[in-house]
Amino acid sequence: MSISLSNLDRSTAQAIPSVNVAAVIKTAREAIGYSVDDLAVTCGLLVVEIQEVESGEDTDSAKLKRIAAALQLPLASLGLE
């Protein structure tokens, strides 16, 4: 069966879940025992920038890449590459 507008409701296709970047970052930060201040110093961002990322307000890929490097997270875990 193909998916078209006429049979979209009957489709068994499922959306790929998006990565909750904020939760991944916060969980990784806490797992290594970093405070928000520690992470900010390590990746060269301001505390408020880390807080905005962890709250989901900011998804700037340049910031996410810096945070991923500081936390030693693969970019794919944040939906980046």
Protein backbone atom coordinates (compact mmCIF):
# COMPACT_ATOMS: atom_id res chain seq x y z
CA MET A 1 0.00 0.00 0.00
CA SER A 2 1.33 3.42 -0.83
CA ILE A 3 0.73 6.51 1.20
CA SER A 4 -1.27 9.23 -0.44
CA LEU A 5 -3.58 11.92 0.79
CA SER A 6 -6.55 9.67 0.19
CA ASN A 7 -5.27 6.83 2.37
CA LEU A 8 -3.13 8.71 4.86
CA ASP A 9 -5.51 8.01 7.75
CA ARG A 10 -5.36 4.27 7.09
CA SER A 11 -1.58 4.21 6.80
CA THR A 12 0.45 2.26 9.31
CA ALA A 13 3.41 4.56 8.82
CA GLN A 14 4.68 6.06 12.03
CA ALA A 15 6.47 9.34 12.53
CA ILE A 16 10.07 9.10 13.65
CA PRO A 17 10.23 10.49 17.17
CA SER A 18 12.28 13.63 17.45
CA VAL A 19 15.14 13.76 19.90
CA ASN A 20 14.40 15.70 23.05
CA VAL A 21 17.69 17.58 22.92
CA ALA A 22 17.04 19.46 26.15
CA ALA A 23 16.50 16.25 28.11
CA VAL A 24 19.49 14.47 26.54
CA ILE A 25 21.81 17.35 27.43
CA LYS A 26 20.52 17.76 30.97
CA THR A 27 20.67 14.01 31.64
CA ALA A 28 24.21 13.76 30.23
CA ARG A 29 25.35 16.79 32.23
CA GLU A 30 23.94 15.41 35.46
CA ALA A 31 25.32 11.91 34.75
CA ILE A 32 28.89 13.22 34.73
CA GLY A 33 28.29 15.40 37.76
CA TYR A 34 28.52 18.76 36.01
CA SER A 35 26.60 21.77 37.24
CA VAL A 36 25.28 24.25 34.69
CA ASP A 37 28.22 26.47 35.67
CA ASP A 38 30.70 23.65 35.03
CA LEU A 39 29.26 22.98 31.59
CA ALA A 40 29.25 26.66 30.71
CA VAL A 41 32.94 26.98 31.55
CA THR A 42 33.83 23.76 29.72
CA CYS A 43 32.11 24.68 26.46
CA GLY A 44 32.61 28.45 26.60
CA LEU A 45 28.96 29.43 26.78
CA LEU A 46 27.13 31.56 29.31
CA VAL A 47 25.12 29.93 32.09
CA VAL A 48 21.95 31.50 30.68
CA GLU A 49 22.71 29.94 27.27
CA ILE A 50 23.00 26.47 28.83
CA GLN A 51 19.77 27.05 30.73
CA GLU A 52 17.98 28.07 27.52
CA VAL A 53 19.21 24.94 25.75
CA GLU A 54 18.17 22.71 28.65
CA SER A 55 14.73 24.30 28.76
CA GLY A 56 14.27 23.77 25.02
CA GLU A 57 14.15 27.51 24.26
CA ASP A 58 17.39 27.49 22.23
CA THR A 59 18.33 24.87 19.65
CA ASP A 60 21.17 26.67 17.92
CA SER A 61 23.25 23.94 16.29
CA ALA A 62 26.56 25.72 16.95
CA LYS A 63 25.80 25.78 20.68
CA LEU A 64 24.60 22.18 20.62
CA LYS A 65 27.83 21.07 18.98
CA ARG A 66 29.92 22.84 21.63
CA ILE A 67 27.84 21.27 24.39
CA ALA A 68 28.07 17.83 22.78
CA ALA A 69 31.85 18.12 22.60
CA ALA A 70 32.06 19.20 26.24
CA LEU A 71 29.87 16.28 27.33
CA GLN A 72 31.54 13.86 24.90
CA LEU A 73 28.19 13.09 23.28
CA PRO A 74 27.96 11.89 19.69
CA LEU A 75 26.25 14.49 17.52
CA ALA A 76 23.73 11.87 16.46
CA SER A 77 22.42 11.69 20.03
CA LEU A 78 21.28 15.29 19.56
CA GLY A 79 19.89 14.73 16.08
CA LEU A 80 22.89 16.46 14.49
CA GLU A 81 25.56 15.40 12.03
